[in-house]
Amino acid sequence: NTKNSKTLPNSKTLPNTKNSKTLPNSKTLPNTKNSKTLPNSKTLPNTKNSKTLPNSKTLPNTKNSKTLPNSKTLPNTKNSKTLPNSKTLPNTKNSK
């Protein structure tokens, strides 16, 4: 029991000083490299993305507004003509 309690604090003090020295040393090196790559790569695609969005939005918007009223007017006149025509035919058959 006295031997086991002497090995615990002795082995705990040695790796603790080694671990605390490796952590701040390896953290300082990649931190300066990571902060430099983030703003550099973010500025390049940001100017490209803002140019493509408004340009591609203006083109299909004029095409979509032209196709909607044009295709709505054609089936609308056809549907109003077929409804009263087909309603008159079965109505005379049912009264007979």
PDB file of N, CA and C in Angstrom:
ATOM      1  N   ASN A   1       0.827  -1.207   0.000  1.00  0.00           N
ATOM      2  CA  ASN A   1       0.000   0.000   0.000  1.00  0.00           C
ATOM      3  C   ASN A   1       0.861   1.258   0.000  1.00  0.00           C
ATOM      4  N   THR A   2       1.977   1.226   0.738  1.00  0.00           N
ATOM      5  CA  THR A   2       2.858   2.400   0.783  1.00  0.00           C
ATOM      6  C   THR A   2       3.654   2.507  -0.513  1.00  0.00           C
ATOM      7  N   LYS A   3       3.840   1.393  -1.185  1.00  0.00           N
ATOM      8  CA  LYS A   3       4.595   1.400  -2.434  1.00  0.00           C
ATOM      9  C   LYS A   3       3.705   1.917  -3.581  1.00  0.00           C
ATOM     10  N   ASN A   4       2.430   1.589  -3.530  1.00  0.00           N
ATOM     11  CA  ASN A   4       1.509   1.988  -4.569  1.00  0.00           C
ATOM     12  C   ASN A   4       1.197   3.489  -4.514  1.00  0.00           C
ATOM     13  N   SER A   5       1.183   4.036  -3.314  1.00  0.00           N
ATOM     14  CA  SER A   5       0.875   5.451  -3.165  1.00  0.00           C
ATOM     15  C   SER A   5       2.083   6.300  -3.537  1.00  0.00           C
ATOM     16  N   LYS A   6       3.285   5.720  -3.570  1.00  0.00           N
ATOM     17  CA  LYS A   6       4.493   6.475  -3.923  1.00  0.00           C
ATOM     18  C   LYS A   6       4.677   6.520  -5.450  1.00  0.00           C
ATOM     19  N   THR A   7       4.169   5.513  -6.149  1.00  0.00           N
ATOM     20  CA  THR A   7       4.338   5.459  -7.594  1.00  0.00           C
ATOM     21  C   THR A   7       3.322   6.365  -8.310  1.00  0.00           C
ATOM     22  N   LEU A   8       2.191   6.566  -7.715  1.00  0.00           N
ATOM     23  CA  LEU A   8       1.141   7.376  -8.341  1.00  0.00           C
ATOM     24  C   LEU A   8       1.531   8.853  -8.479  1.00  0.00           C
ATOM     25  N   PRO A   9       1.931   9.542  -7.409  1.00  0.00           N
ATOM     26  CA  PRO A   9       2.263  10.961  -7.557  1.00  0.00           C
ATOM     27  C   PRO A   9       3.556  11.176  -8.341  1.00  0.00           C
ATOM     28  N   ASN A  10       4.457  10.194  -8.331  1.00  0.00           N
ATOM     29  CA  ASN A  10       5.731  10.336  -9.029  1.00  0.00           C
ATOM     30  C   ASN A  10       5.552  10.255 -10.551  1.00  0.00           C
ATOM     31  N   SER A  11       4.705   9.355 -10.989  1.00  0.00           N
ATOM     32  CA  SER A  11       4.508   9.188 -12.423  1.00  0.00           C
ATOM     33  C   SER A  11       3.550  10.248 -12.961  1.00  0.00           C
ATOM     34  N   LYS A  12       2.818  10.916 -12.086  1.00  0.00           N
ATOM     35  CA  LYS A  12       1.870  11.930 -12.522  1.00  0.00           C
ATOM     36  C   LYS A  12       2.559  13.278 -12.742  1.00  0.00           C
ATOM     37  N   THR A  13       3.621  13.516 -12.041  1.00  0.00           N
ATOM     38  CA  THR A  13       4.309  14.808 -12.150  1.00  0.00           C
ATOM     39  C   THR A  13       5.184  14.857 -13.402  1.00  0.00           C
ATOM     40  N   LEU A  14       5.697  13.742 -13.797  1.00  0.00           N
ATOM     41  CA  LEU A  14       6.600  13.722 -14.957  1.00  0.00           C
ATOM     42  C   LEU A  14       5.866  13.978 -16.294  1.00  0.00           C
ATOM     43  N   PRO A  15       4.809  13.232 -16.621  1.00  0.00           N
ATOM     44  CA  PRO A  15       4.169  13.454 -17.910  1.00  0.00           C
ATOM     45  C   PRO A  15       3.364  14.755 -17.948  1.00  0.00           C
ATOM     46  N   ASN A  16       3.056  15.325 -16.796  1.00  0.00           N
ATOM     47  CA  ASN A  16       2.278  16.563 -16.752  1.00  0.00           C
ATOM     48  C   ASN A  16       3.106  17.750 -17.246  1.00  0.00           C
ATOM     49  N   THR A  17       4.367  17.772 -16.913  1.00  0.00           N
ATOM     50  CA  THR A  17       5.227  18.884 -17.355  1.00  0.00           C
ATOM     51  C   THR A  17       5.561  18.735 -18.849  1.00  0.00           C
ATOM     52  N   LYS A  18       5.550  17.530 -19.340  1.00  0.00           N
ATOM     53  CA  LYS A  18       5.858  17.297 -20.749  1.00  0.00           C
ATOM     54  C   LYS A  18       4.631  17.621 -21.617  1.00  0.00           C
ATOM     55  N   ASN A  19       3.463  17.314 -21.100  1.00  0.00           N
ATOM     56  CA  ASN A  19       2.233  17.528 -21.858  1.00  0.00           C
ATOM     57  C   ASN A  19       1.870  19.013 -21.929  1.00  0.00           C
ATOM     58  N   SER A  20       2.159  19.749 -20.896  1.00  0.00           N
ATOM     59  CA  SER A  20       1.817  21.165 -20.877  1.00  0.00           C
ATOM     60  C   SER A  20       2.763  21.961 -21.757  1.00  0.00           C
ATOM     61  N   LYS A  21       3.946  21.413 -22.035  1.00  0.00           N
ATOM     62  CA  LYS A  21       4.912  22.117 -22.878  1.00  0.00           C
ATOM     63  C   LYS A  21       4.624  21.860 -24.364  1.00  0.00           C
ATOM     64  N   THR A  22       4.062  20.714 -24.684  1.00  0.00           N
ATOM     65  CA  THR A  22       3.802  20.375 -26.081  1.00  0.00           C
ATOM     66  C   THR A  22       2.513  21.033 -26.586  1.00  0.00           C
ATOM     67  N   LEU A  23       1.574  21.243 -25.691  1.00  0.00           N
ATOM     68  CA  LEU A  23       0.285  21.817 -26.100  1.00  0.00           C
ATOM     69  C   LEU A  23       0.402  23.257 -26.607  1.00  0.00           C
ATOM     70  N   PRO A  24       0.974  24.188 -25.845  1.00  0.00           N
ATOM     71  CA  PRO A  24       1.052  25.571 -26.328  1.00  0.00           C
ATOM     72  C   PRO A  24       2.018  25.743 -27.501  1.00  0.00           C
ATOM     73  N   ASN A  25       3.014  24.889 -27.604  1.00  0.00           N
ATOM     74  CA  ASN A  25       4.001  25.003 -28.678  1.00  0.00           C
ATOM     75  C   ASN A  25       3.406  24.589 -30.029  1.00  0.00           C
ATOM     76  N   SER A  26       2.635  23.515 -30.029  1.00  0.00           N
ATOM     77  CA  SER A  26       2.064  23.029 -31.290  1.00  0.00           C
ATOM     78  C   SER A  26       0.799  23.803 -31.657  1.00  0.00           C
ATOM     79  N   LYS A  27       0.221  24.537 -30.688  1.00  0.00           N
ATOM     80  CA  LYS A  27      -1.001  25.287 -30.960  1.00  0.00           C
ATOM     81  C   LYS A  27      -0.688  26.654 -31.585  1.00  0.00           C
ATOM     82  N   THR A  28       0.462  27.187 -31.310  1.00  0.00           N
ATOM     83  CA  THR A  28       0.818  28.512 -31.815  1.00  0.00           C
ATOM     84  C   THR A  28       1.211  28.453 -33.291  1.00  0.00           C
ATOM     85  N   LEU A  29       1.790  27.367 -33.707  1.00  0.00           N
ATOM     86  CA  LEU A  29       2.247  27.251 -35.093  1.00  0.00           C
ATOM     87  C   LEU A  29       1.077  27.135 -36.095  1.00  0.00           C
ATOM     88  N   PRO A  30       0.157  26.175 -35.926  1.00  0.00           N
ATOM     89  CA  PRO A  30      -0.910  26.047 -36.912  1.00  0.00           C
ATOM     90  C   PRO A  30      -1.957  27.153 -36.807  1.00  0.00           C
ATOM     91  N   ASN A  31      -1.989  27.863 -35.686  1.00  0.00           N
ATOM     92  CA  ASN A  31      -2.984  28.924 -35.510  1.00  0.00           C
ATOM     93  C   ASN A  31      -2.695  30.118 -36.418  1.00  0.00           C
ATOM     94  N   THR A  32      -1.429  30.450 -36.587  1.00  0.00           N
ATOM     95  CA  THR A  32      -1.077  31.584 -37.448  1.00  0.00           C
ATOM     96  C   THR A  32      -1.253  31.203 -38.921  1.00  0.00           C
ATOM     97  N   LYS A  33      -1.154  29.937 -39.226  1.00  0.00           N
ATOM     98  CA  LYS A  33      -1.298  29.484 -40.607  1.00  0.00           C
ATOM     99  C   LYS A  33      -2.785  29.409 -40.979  1.00  0.00           C
ATOM    100  N   ASN A  34      -3.616  29.026 -40.024  1.00  0.00           N
ATOM    101  CA  ASN A  34      -5.045  28.863 -40.284  1.00  0.00           C
ATOM    102  C   ASN A  34      -5.750  30.210 -40.404  1.00  0.00           C
ATOM    103  N   SER A  35      -5.305  31.196 -39.652  1.00  0.00           N
ATOM    104  CA  SER A  35      -5.962  32.500 -39.694  1.00  0.00           C
ATOM    105  C   SER A  35      -5.595  33.253 -40.961  1.00  0.00           C
ATOM    106  N   LYS A  36      -4.501  32.873 -41.594  1.00  0.00           N
ATOM    107  CA  LYS A  36      -4.070  33.541 -42.817  1.00  0.00           C
ATOM    108  C   LYS A  36      -4.778  32.935 -44.038  1.00  0.00           C
ATOM    109  N   THR A  37      -5.113  31.655 -43.986  1.00  0.00           N
ATOM    110  CA  THR A  37      -5.734  30.990 -45.124  1.00  0.00           C
ATOM    111  C   THR A  37      -7.238  31.294 -45.192  1.00  0.00           C
ATOM    112  N   LEU A  38      -7.858  31.524 -44.055  1.00  0.00           N
ATOM    113  CA  LEU A  38      -9.301  31.750 -44.036  1.00  0.00           C
ATOM    114  C   LEU A  38      -9.723  33.045 -44.742  1.00  0.00           C
ATOM    115  N   PRO A  39      -9.181  34.211 -44.388  1.00  0.00           N
ATOM    116  CA  PRO A  39      -9.618  35.447 -45.054  1.00  0.00           C
ATOM    117  C   PRO A  39      -9.150  35.536 -46.505  1.00  0.00           C
ATOM    118  N   ASN A  40      -8.067  34.863 -46.833  1.00  0.00           N
ATOM    119  CA  ASN A  40      -7.536  34.922 -48.196  1.00  0.00           C
ATOM    120  C   ASN A  40      -8.426  34.145 -49.170  1.00  0.00           C
ATOM    121  N   SER A  41      -8.888  32.976 -48.761  1.00  0.00           N
ATOM    122  CA  SER A  41      -9.694  32.139 -49.645  1.00  0.00           C
ATOM    123  C   SER A  41     -11.157  32.584 -49.640  1.00  0.00           C
ATOM    124  N   LYS A  42     -11.550  33.400 -48.655  1.00  0.00           N
ATOM    125  CA  LYS A  42     -12.931  33.854 -48.566  1.00  0.00           C
ATOM    126  C   LYS A  42     -13.165  35.079 -49.456  1.00  0.00           C
ATOM    127  N   THR A  43     -12.149  35.855 -49.683  1.00  0.00           N
ATOM    128  CA  THR A  43     -12.292  37.077 -50.480  1.00  0.00           C
ATOM    129  C   THR A  43     -12.390  36.754 -51.973  1.00  0.00           C
ATOM    130  N   LEU A  44     -11.732  35.707 -52.399  1.00  0.00           N
ATOM    131  CA  LEU A  44     -11.738  35.361 -53.824  1.00  0.00           C
ATOM    132  C   LEU A  44     -13.099  34.843 -54.311  1.00  0.00           C
ATOM    133  N   PRO A  45     -13.672  33.814 -53.682  1.00  0.00           N
ATOM    134  CA  PRO A  45     -14.945  33.296 -54.181  1.00  0.00           C
ATOM    135  C   PRO A  45     -16.131  34.210 -53.880  1.00  0.00           C
ATOM    136  N   ASN A  46     -15.951  35.144 -52.949  1.00  0.00           N
ATOM    137  CA  ASN A  46     -17.051  36.042 -52.582  1.00  0.00           C
ATOM    138  C   ASN A  46     -17.362  37.030 -53.703  1.00  0.00           C
ATOM    139  N   THR A  47     -16.344  37.499 -54.382  1.00  0.00           N
ATOM    140  CA  THR A  47     -16.560  38.448 -55.475  1.00  0.00           C
ATOM    141  C   THR A  47     -17.115  37.727 -56.709  1.00  0.00           C
ATOM    142  N   LYS A  48     -16.825  36.459 -56.831  1.00  0.00           N
ATOM    143  CA  LYS A  48     -17.309  35.684 -57.977  1.00  0.00           C
ATOM    144  C   LYS A  48     -18.775  35.290 -57.764  1.00  0.00           C
ATOM    145  N   ASN A  49     -19.136  35.011 -56.513  1.00  0.00           N
ATOM    146  CA  ASN A  49     -20.491  34.562 -56.209  1.00  0.00           C
ATOM    147  C   ASN A  49     -21.497  35.710 -56.281  1.00  0.00           C
ATOM    148  N   SER A  50     -21.079  36.894 -55.909  1.00  0.00           N
ATOM    149  CA  SER A  50     -21.997  38.027 -55.918  1.00  0.00           C
ATOM    150  C   SER A  50     -22.253  38.508 -57.342  1.00  0.00           C
ATOM    151  N   LYS A  51     -21.359  38.170 -58.263  1.00  0.00           N
ATOM    152  CA  LYS A  51     -21.519  38.586 -59.651  1.00  0.00           C
ATOM    153  C   LYS A  51     -22.422  37.605 -60.412  1.00  0.00           C
ATOM    154  N   THR A  52     -22.390  36.351 -60.039  1.00  0.00           N
ATOM    155  CA  THR A  52     -23.164  35.334 -60.740  1.00  0.00           C
ATOM    156  C   THR A  52     -24.630  35.332 -60.301  1.00  0.00           C
ATOM    157  N   LEU A  53     -24.881  35.708 -59.068  1.00  0.00           N
ATOM    158  CA  LEU A  53     -26.248  35.666 -58.552  1.00  0.00           C
ATOM    159  C   LEU A  53     -27.184  36.673 -59.240  1.00  0.00           C
ATOM    160  N   PRO A  54     -26.853  37.970 -59.260  1.00  0.00           N
ATOM    161  CA  PRO A  54     -27.774  38.926 -59.895  1.00  0.00           C
ATOM    162  C   PRO A  54     -27.836  38.776 -61.412  1.00  0.00           C
ATOM    163  N   ASN A  55     -26.779  38.268 -62.011  1.00  0.00           N
ATOM    164  CA  ASN A  55     -26.745  38.113 -63.466  1.00  0.00           C
ATOM    165  C   ASN A  55     -27.659  36.977 -63.938  1.00  0.00           C
ATOM    166  N   SER A  56     -27.637  35.875 -63.222  1.00  0.00           N
ATOM    167  CA  SER A  56     -28.442  34.720 -63.627  1.00  0.00           C
ATOM    168  C   SER A  56     -29.894  34.869 -63.176  1.00  0.00           C
ATOM    169  N   LYS A  57     -30.153  35.808 -62.245  1.00  0.00           N
ATOM    170  CA  LYS A  57     -31.508  35.997 -61.751  1.00  0.00           C
ATOM    171  C   LYS A  57     -32.313  36.888 -62.696  1.00  0.00           C
ATOM    172  N   THR A  58     -31.644  37.772 -63.385  1.00  0.00           N
ATOM    173  CA  THR A  58     -32.332  38.704 -64.279  1.00  0.00           C
ATOM    174  C   THR A  58     -32.753  38.015 -65.580  1.00  0.00           C
ATOM    175  N   LEU A  59     -31.959  37.067 -66.025  1.00  0.00           N
ATOM    176  CA  LEU A  59     -32.261  36.386 -67.289  1.00  0.00           C
ATOM    177  C   LEU A  59     -33.497  35.483 -67.203  1.00  0.00           C
ATOM    178  N   PRO A  60     -33.565  34.544 -66.254  1.00  0.00           N
ATOM    179  CA  PRO A  60     -34.735  33.662 -66.211  1.00  0.00           C
ATOM    180  C   PRO A  60     -35.996  34.350 -65.708  1.00  0.00           C
ATOM    181  N   ASN A  61     -35.836  35.517 -65.075  1.00  0.00           N
ATOM    182  CA  ASN A  61     -37.004  36.225 -64.550  1.00  0.00           C
ATOM    183  C   ASN A  61     -37.845  36.813 -65.682  1.00  0.00           C
ATOM    184  N   THR A  62     -37.199  37.311 -66.724  1.00  0.00           N
ATOM    185  CA  THR A  62     -37.941  37.872 -67.855  1.00  0.00           C
ATOM    186  C   THR A  62     -38.539  36.754 -68.713  1.00  0.00           C
ATOM    187  N   LYS A  63     -37.932  35.610 -68.693  1.00  0.00           N
ATOM    188  CA  LYS A  63     -38.416  34.492 -69.499  1.00  0.00           C
ATOM    189  C   LYS A  63     -39.611  33.834 -68.794  1.00  0.00           C
ATOM    190  N   ASN A  64     -39.578  33.800 -67.467  1.00  0.00           N
ATOM    191  CA  ASN A  64     -40.635  33.145 -66.708  1.00  0.00           C
ATOM    192  C   ASN A  64     -41.910  33.978 -66.698  1.00  0.00           C
ATOM    193  N   SER A  65     -41.773  35.285 -66.683  1.00  0.00           N
ATOM    194  CA  SER A  65     -42.954  36.141 -66.638  1.00  0.00           C
ATOM    195  C   SER A  65     -43.641  36.187 -68.002  1.00  0.00           C
ATOM    196  N   LYS A  66     -42.917  35.846 -69.064  1.00  0.00           N
ATOM    197  CA  LYS A  66     -43.482  35.859 -70.411  1.00  0.00           C
ATOM    198  C   LYS A  66     -44.212  34.543 -70.710  1.00  0.00           C
ATOM    199  N   THR A  67     -43.730  33.467 -70.138  1.00  0.00           N
ATOM    200  CA  THR A  67     -44.316  32.168 -70.406  1.00  0.00           C
ATOM    201  C   THR A  67     -45.585  31.936 -69.575  1.00  0.00           C
ATOM    202  N   LEU A  68     -45.643  32.533 -68.413  1.00  0.00           N
ATOM    203  CA  LEU A  68     -46.796  32.317 -67.544  1.00  0.00           C
ATOM    204  C   LEU A  68     -48.101  32.889 -68.108  1.00  0.00           C
ATOM    205  N   PRO A  69     -48.154  34.183 -68.461  1.00  0.00           N
ATOM    206  CA  PRO A  69     -49.418  34.712 -68.978  1.00  0.00           C
ATOM    207  C   PRO A  69     -49.774  34.182 -70.363  1.00  0.00           C
ATOM    208  N   ASN A  70     -48.778  33.795 -71.127  1.00  0.00           N
ATOM    209  CA  ASN A  70     -49.031  33.287 -72.477  1.00  0.00           C
ATOM    210  C   ASN A  70     -49.684  31.903 -72.444  1.00  0.00           C
ATOM    211  N   SER A  71     -49.193  31.040 -71.566  1.00  0.00           N
ATOM    212  CA  SER A  71     -49.726  29.688 -71.505  1.00  0.00           C
ATOM    213  C   SER A  71     -51.019  29.643 -70.683  1.00  0.00           C
ATOM    214  N   LYS A  72     -51.289  30.708 -69.926  1.00  0.00           N
ATOM    215  CA  LYS A  72     -52.499  30.731 -69.108  1.00  0.00           C
ATOM    216  C   LYS A  72     -53.700  31.182 -69.938  1.00  0.00           C
ATOM    217  N   THR A  73     -53.453  31.997 -70.926  1.00  0.00           N
ATOM    218  CA  THR A  73     -54.539  32.527 -71.746  1.00  0.00           C
ATOM    219  C   THR A  73     -55.066  31.467 -72.723  1.00  0.00           C
ATOM    220  N   LEU A  74     -54.182  30.616 -73.197  1.00  0.00           N
ATOM    221  CA  LEU A  74     -54.586  29.599 -74.167  1.00  0.00           C
ATOM    222  C   LEU A  74     -55.503  28.533 -73.549  1.00  0.00           C
ATOM    223  N   PRO A  75     -55.100  27.881 -72.444  1.00  0.00           N
ATOM    224  CA  PRO A  75     -55.975  26.837 -71.908  1.00  0.00           C
ATOM    225  C   PRO A  75     -57.213  27.391 -71.217  1.00  0.00           C
ATOM    226  N   ASN A  76     -57.189  28.680 -70.894  1.00  0.00           N
ATOM    227  CA  ASN A  76     -58.332  29.280 -70.212  1.00  0.00           C
ATOM    228  C   ASN A  76     -59.519  29.423 -71.165  1.00  0.00           C
ATOM    229  N   THR A  77     -59.274  29.765 -72.404  1.00  0.00           N
ATOM    230  CA  THR A  77     -60.360  29.912 -73.379  1.00  0.00           C
ATOM    231  C   THR A  77     -60.867  28.540 -73.830  1.00  0.00           C
ATOM    232  N   LYS A  78     -60.001  27.561 -73.769  1.00  0.00           N
ATOM    233  CA  LYS A  78     -60.377  26.217 -74.189  1.00  0.00           C
ATOM    234  C   LYS A  78     -61.208  25.546 -73.093  1.00  0.00           C
ATOM    235  N   ASN A  79     -60.872  25.864 -71.839  1.00  0.00           N
ATOM    236  CA  ASN A  79     -61.558  25.230 -70.723  1.00  0.00           C
ATOM    237  C   ASN A  79     -62.964  25.795 -70.548  1.00  0.00           C
ATOM    238  N   SER A  80     -63.141  27.062 -70.822  1.00  0.00           N
ATOM    239  CA  SER A  80     -64.453  27.667 -70.650  1.00  0.00           C
ATOM    240  C   SER A  80     -65.399  27.246 -71.784  1.00  0.00           C
ATOM    241  N   LYS A  81     -64.845  26.813 -72.907  1.00  0.00           N
ATOM    242  CA  LYS A  81     -65.657  26.399 -74.046  1.00  0.00           C
ATOM    243  C   LYS A  81     -66.088  24.935 -73.895  1.00  0.00           C
ATOM    244  N   THR A  82     -65.238  24.132 -73.265  1.00  0.00           N
ATOM    245  CA  THR A  82     -65.529  22.720 -73.125  1.00  0.00           C
ATOM    246  C   THR A  82     -66.514  22.457 -71.987  1.00  0.00           C
ATOM    247  N   LEU A  83     -66.503  23.301 -70.988  1.00  0.00           N
ATOM    248  CA  LEU A  83     -67.371  23.089 -69.833  1.00  0.00           C
ATOM    249  C   LEU A  83     -68.864  23.214 -70.175  1.00  0.00           C
ATOM    250  N   PRO A  84     -69.296  24.317 -70.758  1.00  0.00           N
ATOM    251  CA  PRO A  84     -70.734  24.426 -71.061  1.00  0.00           C
ATOM    252  C   PRO A  84     -71.176  23.494 -72.200  1.00  0.00           C
ATOM    253  N   ASN A  85     -70.272  23.141 -73.077  1.00  0.00           N
ATOM    254  CA  ASN A  85     -70.609  22.274 -74.201  1.00  0.00           C
ATOM    255  C   ASN A  85     -70.864  20.838 -73.732  1.00  0.00           C
ATOM    256  N   SER A  86     -70.025  20.349 -72.832  1.00  0.00           N
ATOM    257  CA  SER A  86     -70.182  18.976 -72.384  1.00  0.00           C
ATOM    258  C   SER A  86     -71.277  18.867 -71.323  1.00  0.00           C
ATOM    259  N   LYS A  87     -71.667  19.999 -70.771  1.00  0.00           N
ATOM    260  CA  LYS A  87     -72.702  19.968 -69.749  1.00  0.00           C
ATOM    261  C   LYS A  87     -74.090  19.926 -70.408  1.00  0.00           C
ATOM    262  N   THR A  88     -74.194  20.464 -71.573  1.00  0.00           N
ATOM    263  CA  THR A  88     -75.485  20.521 -72.264  1.00  0.00           C
ATOM    264  C   THR A  88     -75.837  19.165 -72.870  1.00  0.00           C
ATOM    265  N   LEU A  89     -74.841  18.434 -73.279  1.00  0.00           N
ATOM    266  CA  LEU A  89     -75.091  17.146 -73.917  1.00  0.00           C
ATOM    267  C   LEU A  89     -75.621  16.101 -72.917  1.00  0.00           C
ATOM    268  N   PRO A  90     -74.952  15.874 -71.787  1.00  0.00           N
ATOM    269  CA  PRO A  90     -75.468  14.852 -70.891  1.00  0.00           C
ATOM    270  C   PRO A  90     -76.733  15.294 -70.163  1.00  0.00           C
ATOM    271  N   ASN A  91     -77.000  16.588 -70.161  1.00  0.00           N
ATOM    272  CA  ASN A  91     -78.184  17.095 -69.470  1.00  0.00           C
ATOM    273  C   ASN A  91     -79.460  16.737 -70.242  1.00  0.00           C
ATOM    274  N   THR A  92     -79.402  16.745 -71.547  1.00  0.00           N
ATOM    275  CA  THR A  92     -80.570  16.400 -72.362  1.00  0.00           C
ATOM    276  C   THR A  92     -80.794  14.885 -72.379  1.00  0.00           C
ATOM    277  N   LYS A  93     -79.715  14.149 -72.147  1.00  0.00           N
ATOM    278  CA  LYS A  93     -79.821  12.696 -72.153  1.00  0.00           C
ATOM    279  C   LYS A  93     -80.439  12.222 -70.830  1.00  0.00           C
ATOM    280  N   ASN A  94     -80.153  12.955 -69.777  1.00  0.00           N
ATOM    281  CA  ASN A  94     -80.630  12.563 -68.460  1.00  0.00           C
ATOM    282  C   ASN A  94     -82.124  12.873 -68.308  1.00  0.00           C
ATOM    283  N   SER A  95     -82.613  13.894 -68.979  1.00  0.00           N
ATOM    284  CA  SER A  95     -84.028  14.258 -68.867  1.00  0.00           C
ATOM    285  C   SER A  95     -84.894  13.329 -69.701  1.00  0.00           C
ATOM    286  N   LYS A  96     -84.310  12.629 -70.641  1.00  0.00           N
ATOM    287  CA  LYS A  96     -85.050  11.698 -71.499  1.00  0.00           C
ATOM    288  C   LYS A  96     -85.202  10.391 -70.767  1.00  0.00           C
TER     289      LYS A  96
END
